[in-house]
Amino acid sequence: MITFNYLFPVDDFKTKEVRLKQWIIKVIHCENKRSGDIAYVFCNDEQLHEINLKFLDHDTLTDIITFPTTHSNEIISGEIYISIPRVFENATHSNGIWYDELSRVIIHGILHLIGYNDHSPEEKVMMRAKEDYYLTLRP
């Protein structure tokens, strides 16, 4: 089951939840995986920074942190924390459409749960290509 939890308000987002959940499941199936329990938590910069410090020992701002909650190679489960202010900020540097940027970050988290990384330049290119492709499938 996919859930969306709001520690930070996201205007006009709840109306898109059902279609987003279907899209997320479609992406998981395209990667030949099954959807388990996935929780998205929308928060602010301070909340995500605190999580980053506490669990990853990183003293930086970020837009997303992903924690897998299963060791299965077939079932995708985890918690995905997203800073909505960071998404808005990133959108101003890209196409300016916050919903597009939020969609990219939502799928970025799924790709991390599936096993993709973005540490090396090659991994970043692969991650971006996957994001771009799956964004074309978004309803």
N, C-alpha and C. Protein backbone atom coordinates (compact mmCIF):
# COMPACT_ATOMS: atom_id res chain seq x y z
N MET A 1 0.84 -1.17 0.00
CA MET A 1 0.00 0.00 0.00
C MET A 1 0.90 1.25 0.00
N ILE A 2 0.51 2.22 -0.78
CA ILE A 2 1.24 3.49 -0.85
C ILE A 2 0.46 4.53 -0.07
N THR A 3 1.15 5.22 0.85
CA THR A 3 0.50 6.26 1.64
C THR A 3 1.26 7.58 1.49
N PHE A 4 0.51 8.66 1.61
CA PHE A 4 1.08 10.00 1.59
C PHE A 4 0.76 10.65 2.94
N ASN A 5 1.80 11.09 3.65
CA ASN A 5 1.64 11.73 4.95
C ASN A 5 2.15 13.17 4.85
N TYR A 6 1.43 14.08 5.45
CA TYR A 6 1.74 15.49 5.28
C TYR A 6 2.15 16.15 6.60
N LEU A 7 3.45 16.36 6.76
CA LEU A 7 3.94 17.18 7.86
C LEU A 7 4.06 18.62 7.39
N PHE A 8 3.97 18.80 6.09
CA PHE A 8 4.03 20.12 5.44
C PHE A 8 2.92 20.12 4.39
N PRO A 9 2.09 21.16 4.35
CA PRO A 9 0.96 21.16 3.41
C PRO A 9 1.43 21.24 1.96
N VAL A 10 0.72 20.51 1.10
CA VAL A 10 1.00 20.52 -0.33
C VAL A 10 -0.31 20.84 -1.04
N ASP A 11 -0.46 22.09 -1.45
CA ASP A 11 -1.70 22.54 -2.08
C ASP A 11 -2.01 21.76 -3.35
N ASP A 12 -3.28 21.44 -3.54
CA ASP A 12 -3.79 20.79 -4.74
C ASP A 12 -3.16 19.42 -5.01
N PHE A 13 -2.54 18.83 -4.04
CA PHE A 13 -1.88 17.55 -4.27
C PHE A 13 -2.82 16.39 -4.00
N LYS A 14 -3.65 16.50 -2.99
CA LYS A 14 -4.53 15.39 -2.62
C LYS A 14 -5.42 14.95 -3.77
N THR A 15 -5.77 15.86 -4.67
CA THR A 15 -6.62 15.50 -5.80
C THR A 15 -5.88 14.60 -6.79
N LYS A 16 -4.57 14.55 -6.72
CA LYS A 16 -3.77 13.76 -7.64
C LYS A 16 -3.30 12.44 -7.03
N GLU A 17 -3.60 12.19 -5.78
CA GLU A 17 -3.07 11.03 -5.07
C GLU A 17 -3.36 9.71 -5.76
N VAL A 18 -4.60 9.48 -6.17
CA VAL A 18 -4.99 8.19 -6.75
C VAL A 18 -4.20 7.94 -8.03
N ARG A 19 -4.12 8.94 -8.91
CA ARG A 19 -3.37 8.77 -10.16
C ARG A 19 -1.88 8.58 -9.89
N LEU A 20 -1.33 9.29 -8.91
CA LEU A 20 0.09 9.12 -8.57
C LEU A 20 0.37 7.72 -8.04
N LYS A 21 -0.50 7.21 -7.21
CA LYS A 21 -0.31 5.86 -6.69
C LYS A 21 -0.31 4.84 -7.82
N GLN A 22 -1.22 5.00 -8.77
CA GLN A 22 -1.27 4.09 -9.92
C GLN A 22 0.00 4.19 -10.75
N TRP A 23 0.50 5.40 -10.93
CA TRP A 23 1.72 5.63 -11.69
C TRP A 23 2.93 4.99 -10.99
N ILE A 24 3.03 5.17 -9.68
CA ILE A 24 4.13 4.59 -8.91
C ILE A 24 4.12 3.07 -9.05
N ILE A 25 2.96 2.47 -8.92
CA ILE A 25 2.85 1.02 -9.07
C ILE A 25 3.25 0.58 -10.48
N LYS A 26 2.85 1.35 -11.48
CA LYS A 26 3.22 1.05 -12.87
C LYS A 26 4.74 1.07 -13.04
N VAL A 27 5.40 2.08 -12.46
CA VAL A 27 6.86 2.18 -12.54
C VAL A 27 7.51 0.96 -11.88
N ILE A 28 7.02 0.59 -10.71
CA ILE A 28 7.56 -0.58 -10.01
C ILE A 28 7.40 -1.83 -10.86
N HIS A 29 6.24 -2.00 -11.48
CA HIS A 29 6.01 -3.17 -12.33
C HIS A 29 6.90 -3.14 -13.57
N CYS A 30 7.15 -1.97 -14.13
CA CYS A 30 8.04 -1.85 -15.29
C CYS A 30 9.46 -2.31 -14.94
N GLU A 31 9.83 -2.19 -13.68
CA GLU A 31 11.14 -2.64 -13.21
C GLU A 31 11.10 -4.09 -12.74
N ASN A 32 9.99 -4.78 -13.06
CA ASN A 32 9.81 -6.20 -12.71
C ASN A 32 9.87 -6.45 -11.21
N LYS A 33 9.26 -5.53 -10.46
CA LYS A 33 9.18 -5.65 -9.00
C LYS A 33 7.71 -5.58 -8.60
N ARG A 34 7.45 -5.86 -7.34
CA ARG A 34 6.10 -5.74 -6.78
C ARG A 34 6.09 -4.66 -5.71
N SER A 35 4.97 -4.00 -5.61
CA SER A 35 4.81 -2.93 -4.63
C SER A 35 4.44 -3.49 -3.27
N GLY A 36 5.21 -3.08 -2.26
CA GLY A 36 4.89 -3.42 -0.88
C GLY A 36 4.35 -2.17 -0.20
N ASP A 37 4.74 -1.96 1.05
CA ASP A 37 4.30 -0.78 1.80
C ASP A 37 5.29 0.35 1.55
N ILE A 38 4.79 1.43 0.97
CA ILE A 38 5.62 2.60 0.67
C ILE A 38 4.95 3.81 1.29
N ALA A 39 5.68 4.49 2.17
CA ALA A 39 5.15 5.68 2.83
C ALA A 39 5.95 6.90 2.38
N TYR A 40 5.25 7.86 1.82
CA TYR A 40 5.84 9.16 1.49
C TYR A 40 5.51 10.11 2.63
N VAL A 41 6.51 10.83 3.10
CA VAL A 41 6.31 11.83 4.15
C VAL A 41 6.79 13.16 3.59
N PHE A 42 5.85 14.10 3.45
CA PHE A 42 6.17 15.43 2.94
C PHE A 42 6.43 16.34 4.14
N CYS A 43 7.64 16.90 4.18
CA CYS A 43 8.04 17.69 5.33
C CYS A 43 8.73 18.97 4.86
N ASN A 44 9.33 19.70 5.81
CA ASN A 44 10.05 20.93 5.45
C ASN A 44 11.56 20.70 5.54
N ASP A 45 12.33 21.71 5.19
CA ASP A 45 13.78 21.59 5.19
C ASP A 45 14.34 21.22 6.56
N GLU A 46 13.81 21.85 7.60
CA GLU A 46 14.33 21.60 8.94
C GLU A 46 14.10 20.16 9.37
N GLN A 47 12.91 19.65 9.10
CA GLN A 47 12.60 18.27 9.47
C GLN A 47 13.50 17.28 8.71
N LEU A 48 13.68 17.51 7.42
CA LEU A 48 14.50 16.60 6.63
C LEU A 48 15.98 16.73 7.01
N HIS A 49 16.41 17.94 7.33
CA HIS A 49 17.80 18.13 7.77
C HIS A 49 18.05 17.37 9.07
N GLU A 50 17.10 17.39 9.96
CA GLU A 50 17.23 16.66 11.23
C GLU A 50 17.35 15.15 10.97
N ILE A 51 16.55 14.63 10.07
CA ILE A 51 16.62 13.21 9.70
C ILE A 51 17.98 12.91 9.07
N ASN A 52 18.45 13.80 8.21
CA ASN A 52 19.73 13.64 7.54
C ASN A 52 20.87 13.57 8.56
N LEU A 53 20.82 14.44 9.56
CA LEU A 53 21.85 14.42 10.61
C LEU A 53 21.76 13.16 11.48
N LYS A 54 20.56 12.86 11.91
CA LYS A 54 20.36 11.77 12.87
C LYS A 54 20.67 10.40 12.28
N PHE A 55 20.21 10.14 11.07
CA PHE A 55 20.32 8.79 10.52
C PHE A 55 21.47 8.61 9.53
N LEU A 56 21.89 9.69 8.87
CA LEU A 56 22.93 9.56 7.85
C LEU A 56 24.20 10.33 8.18
N ASP A 57 24.15 11.11 9.26
CA ASP A 57 25.28 11.93 9.68
C ASP A 57 25.74 12.89 8.59
N HIS A 58 24.77 13.41 7.82
CA HIS A 58 25.05 14.40 6.77
C HIS A 58 24.49 15.74 7.21
N ASP A 59 25.34 16.75 7.25
CA ASP A 59 24.91 18.09 7.65
C ASP A 59 24.65 18.95 6.42
N THR A 60 23.70 18.49 5.60
CA THR A 60 23.35 19.20 4.37
C THR A 60 21.84 19.20 4.18
N LEU A 61 21.39 20.16 3.38
CA LEU A 61 19.99 20.15 2.95
C LEU A 61 19.87 19.21 1.76
N THR A 62 18.76 18.56 1.66
CA THR A 62 18.49 17.68 0.54
C THR A 62 17.00 17.71 0.25
N ASP A 63 16.62 17.22 -0.91
CA ASP A 63 15.20 17.20 -1.24
C ASP A 63 14.54 15.87 -0.88
N ILE A 64 15.35 14.81 -0.74
CA ILE A 64 14.77 13.49 -0.50
C ILE A 64 15.73 12.61 0.29
N ILE A 65 15.15 11.80 1.17
CA ILE A 65 15.89 10.74 1.84
C ILE A 65 15.00 9.49 1.77
N THR A 66 15.62 8.38 1.42
CA THR A 66 14.89 7.13 1.23
C THR A 66 15.44 6.06 2.17
N PHE A 67 14.53 5.38 2.85
CA PHE A 67 14.90 4.28 3.73
C PHE A 67 14.16 3.01 3.31
N PRO A 68 14.86 2.03 2.78
CA PRO A 68 14.19 0.76 2.47
C PRO A 68 13.77 0.07 3.77
N THR A 69 12.64 -0.61 3.73
CA THR A 69 12.17 -1.31 4.93
C THR A 69 12.04 -2.81 4.69
N THR A 70 12.61 -3.29 3.59
CA THR A 70 12.62 -4.71 3.30
C THR A 70 13.95 -5.07 2.67
N HIS A 71 14.31 -6.33 2.79
CA HIS A 71 15.53 -6.82 2.15
C HIS A 71 15.20 -7.67 0.93
N SER A 72 13.94 -7.66 0.54
CA SER A 72 13.51 -8.44 -0.60
C SER A 72 13.97 -7.79 -1.90
N ASN A 73 14.39 -8.61 -2.85
CA ASN A 73 14.75 -8.11 -4.17
C ASN A 73 13.53 -7.95 -5.06
N GLU A 74 12.41 -8.51 -4.64
CA GLU A 74 11.20 -8.49 -5.47
C GLU A 74 10.16 -7.48 -5.02
N ILE A 75 10.05 -7.30 -3.71
CA ILE A 75 9.02 -6.41 -3.16
C ILE A 75 9.66 -5.10 -2.74
N ILE A 76 9.10 -4.00 -3.22
CA ILE A 76 9.62 -2.67 -2.94
C ILE A 76 8.83 -2.05 -1.79
N SER A 77 9.50 -1.83 -0.68
CA SER A 77 8.89 -1.22 0.50
C SER A 77 9.88 -0.22 1.09
N GLY A 78 9.35 0.85 1.66
CA GLY A 78 10.23 1.81 2.31
C GLY A 78 9.53 3.08 2.70
N GLU A 79 10.31 3.97 3.28
CA GLU A 79 9.85 5.31 3.67
C GLU A 79 10.63 6.32 2.84
N ILE A 80 9.91 7.27 2.28
CA ILE A 80 10.52 8.29 1.44
C ILE A 80 10.12 9.65 2.01
N TYR A 81 11.13 10.40 2.45
CA TYR A 81 10.92 11.73 3.04
C TYR A 81 11.29 12.77 2.00
N ILE A 82 10.38 13.71 1.77
CA ILE A 82 10.59 14.74 0.75
C ILE A 82 10.37 16.12 1.36
N SER A 83 11.35 17.01 1.15
CA SER A 83 11.21 18.40 1.60
C SER A 83 10.49 19.20 0.51
N ILE A 84 9.28 19.60 0.80
CA ILE A 84 8.49 20.36 -0.17
C ILE A 84 9.14 21.72 -0.47
N PRO A 85 9.63 22.48 0.51
CA PRO A 85 10.31 23.74 0.17
C PRO A 85 11.52 23.53 -0.76
N ARG A 86 12.25 22.41 -0.57
CA ARG A 86 13.40 22.12 -1.42
C ARG A 86 12.94 21.81 -2.84
N VAL A 87 11.81 21.10 -2.97
CA VAL A 87 11.24 20.80 -4.29
C VAL A 87 10.86 22.10 -4.99
N PHE A 88 10.21 23.01 -4.27
CA PHE A 88 9.85 24.30 -4.85
C PHE A 88 11.10 25.05 -5.31
N GLU A 89 12.13 25.05 -4.48
CA GLU A 89 13.39 25.73 -4.81
C GLU A 89 14.02 25.11 -6.05
N ASN A 90 14.07 23.78 -6.11
CA ASN A 90 14.65 23.10 -7.27
C ASN A 90 13.86 23.37 -8.53
N ALA A 91 12.55 23.48 -8.40
CA ALA A 91 11.70 23.75 -9.57
C ALA A 91 12.03 25.11 -10.19
N THR A 92 12.40 26.07 -9.37
CA THR A 92 12.73 27.40 -9.91
C THR A 92 14.01 27.35 -10.74
N HIS A 93 14.84 26.33 -10.52
CA HIS A 93 16.09 26.20 -11.28
C HIS A 93 15.93 25.31 -12.50
N SER A 94 14.80 24.61 -12.59
CA SER A 94 14.58 23.76 -13.77
C SER A 94 13.48 24.37 -14.62
N ASN A 95 12.36 23.71 -14.75
CA ASN A 95 11.30 24.23 -15.62
C ASN A 95 10.31 25.13 -14.91
N GLY A 96 10.43 25.28 -13.61
CA GLY A 96 9.55 26.18 -12.87
C GLY A 96 8.22 25.59 -12.48
N ILE A 97 7.96 24.34 -12.85
CA ILE A 97 6.68 23.70 -12.54
C ILE A 97 6.90 22.76 -11.36
N TRP A 98 6.39 23.13 -10.20
CA TRP A 98 6.66 22.39 -8.97
C TRP A 98 6.15 20.95 -9.04
N TYR A 99 4.99 20.74 -9.69
CA TYR A 99 4.42 19.39 -9.74
C TYR A 99 5.31 18.46 -10.56
N ASP A 100 5.94 18.97 -11.61
CA ASP A 100 6.89 18.16 -12.39
C ASP A 100 8.09 17.79 -11.55
N GLU A 101 8.60 18.75 -10.80
CA GLU A 101 9.76 18.47 -9.94
C GLU A 101 9.39 17.50 -8.82
N LEU A 102 8.21 17.67 -8.24
CA LEU A 102 7.76 16.75 -7.19
C LEU A 102 7.62 15.34 -7.77
N SER A 103 7.08 15.22 -8.96
CA SER A 103 6.94 13.91 -9.60
C SER A 103 8.31 13.27 -9.82
N ARG A 104 9.28 14.08 -10.25
CA ARG A 104 10.64 13.56 -10.45
C ARG A 104 11.20 13.03 -9.13
N VAL A 105 11.01 13.77 -8.06
CA VAL A 105 11.54 13.35 -6.75
C VAL A 105 10.81 12.11 -6.24
N ILE A 106 9.51 12.04 -6.46
CA ILE A 106 8.73 10.87 -6.06
C ILE A 106 9.28 9.62 -6.72
N ILE A 107 9.54 9.68 -8.02
CA ILE A 107 10.07 8.52 -8.74
C ILE A 107 11.54 8.28 -8.40
N HIS A 108 12.27 9.34 -8.14
CA HIS A 108 13.66 9.20 -7.71
C HIS A 108 13.73 8.30 -6.47
N GLY A 109 12.83 8.53 -5.53
CA GLY A 109 12.78 7.71 -4.32
C GLY A 109 12.47 6.26 -4.61
N ILE A 110 11.54 6.02 -5.52
CA ILE A 110 11.20 4.65 -5.91
C ILE A 110 12.41 3.97 -6.54
N LEU A 111 13.11 4.70 -7.42
CA LEU A 111 14.29 4.13 -8.06
C LEU A 111 15.37 3.76 -7.04
N HIS A 112 15.51 4.59 -5.99
CA HIS A 112 16.45 4.24 -4.92
C HIS A 112 16.01 2.95 -4.22
N LEU A 113 14.71 2.84 -3.93
CA LEU A 113 14.22 1.63 -3.28
C LEU A 113 14.43 0.40 -4.16
N ILE A 114 14.34 0.57 -5.46
CA ILE A 114 14.54 -0.54 -6.40
C ILE A 114 16.01 -0.96 -6.42
N GLY A 115 16.90 0.00 -6.13
CA GLY A 115 18.31 -0.34 -6.08
C GLY A 115 19.23 0.55 -6.89
N TYR A 116 18.66 1.55 -7.57
CA TYR A 116 19.50 2.48 -8.33
C TYR A 116 20.14 3.48 -7.38
N ASN A 117 21.38 3.85 -7.68
CA ASN A 117 22.09 4.84 -6.90
C ASN A 117 22.46 6.03 -7.79
N ASP A 118 22.93 7.08 -7.16
CA ASP A 118 23.34 8.26 -7.92
C ASP A 118 24.60 8.88 -7.31
N HIS A 119 25.53 8.03 -6.93
CA HIS A 119 26.78 8.49 -6.33
C HIS A 119 27.82 8.87 -7.38
N SER A 120 27.98 8.04 -8.37
CA SER A 120 28.98 8.30 -9.41
C SER A 120 28.34 9.05 -10.58
N PRO A 121 29.15 9.67 -11.43
CA PRO A 121 28.60 10.35 -12.62
C PRO A 121 27.80 9.39 -13.51
N GLU A 122 28.26 8.15 -13.66
CA GLU A 122 27.55 7.18 -14.48
C GLU A 122 26.19 6.83 -13.87
N GLU A 123 26.17 6.65 -12.55
CA GLU A 123 24.91 6.35 -11.87
C GLU A 123 23.94 7.52 -11.98
N LYS A 124 24.44 8.73 -11.89
CA LYS A 124 23.58 9.91 -12.02
C LYS A 124 22.95 9.98 -13.40
N VAL A 125 23.72 9.66 -14.43
CA VAL A 125 23.18 9.66 -15.80
C VAL A 125 22.08 8.61 -15.93
N MET A 126 22.32 7.42 -15.39
CA MET A 126 21.32 6.35 -15.45
C MET A 126 20.07 6.74 -14.68
N MET A 127 20.24 7.30 -13.48
CA MET A 127 19.10 7.71 -12.66
C MET A 127 18.28 8.76 -13.39
N ARG A 128 18.92 9.76 -13.98
CA ARG A 128 18.20 10.82 -14.69
C ARG A 128 17.47 10.25 -15.91
N ALA A 129 18.08 9.33 -16.61
CA ALA A 129 17.44 8.72 -17.77
C ALA A 129 16.18 7.95 -17.35
N LYS A 130 16.29 7.21 -16.25
CA LYS A 130 15.13 6.47 -15.73
C LYS A 130 14.02 7.45 -15.30
N GLU A 131 14.40 8.50 -14.58
CA GLU A 131 13.42 9.51 -14.17
C GLU A 131 12.72 10.10 -15.40
N ASP A 132 13.50 10.52 -16.39
CA ASP A 132 12.94 11.13 -17.60
C ASP A 132 11.97 10.18 -18.30
N TYR A 133 12.37 8.92 -18.41
CA TYR A 133 11.49 7.94 -19.06
C TYR A 133 10.20 7.77 -18.28
N TYR A 134 10.29 7.55 -16.98
CA TYR A 134 9.08 7.31 -16.20
C TYR A 134 8.19 8.53 -16.08
N LEU A 135 8.77 9.70 -16.19
CA LEU A 135 7.93 10.92 -16.21
C LEU A 135 7.04 10.94 -17.45
N THR A 136 7.48 10.32 -18.54
CA THR A 136 6.63 10.27 -19.74
C THR A 136 5.42 9.36 -19.54
N LEU A 137 5.46 8.50 -18.53
CA LEU A 137 4.34 7.60 -18.25
C LEU A 137 3.36 8.15 -17.22
N ARG A 138 3.70 9.31 -16.65
CA ARG A 138 2.85 9.90 -15.60
C ARG A 138 1.52 10.36 -16.20
N PRO A 139 0.43 10.04 -15.50
CA PRO A 139 -0.89 10.49 -16.00
C PRO A 139 -1.07 11.99 -15.88
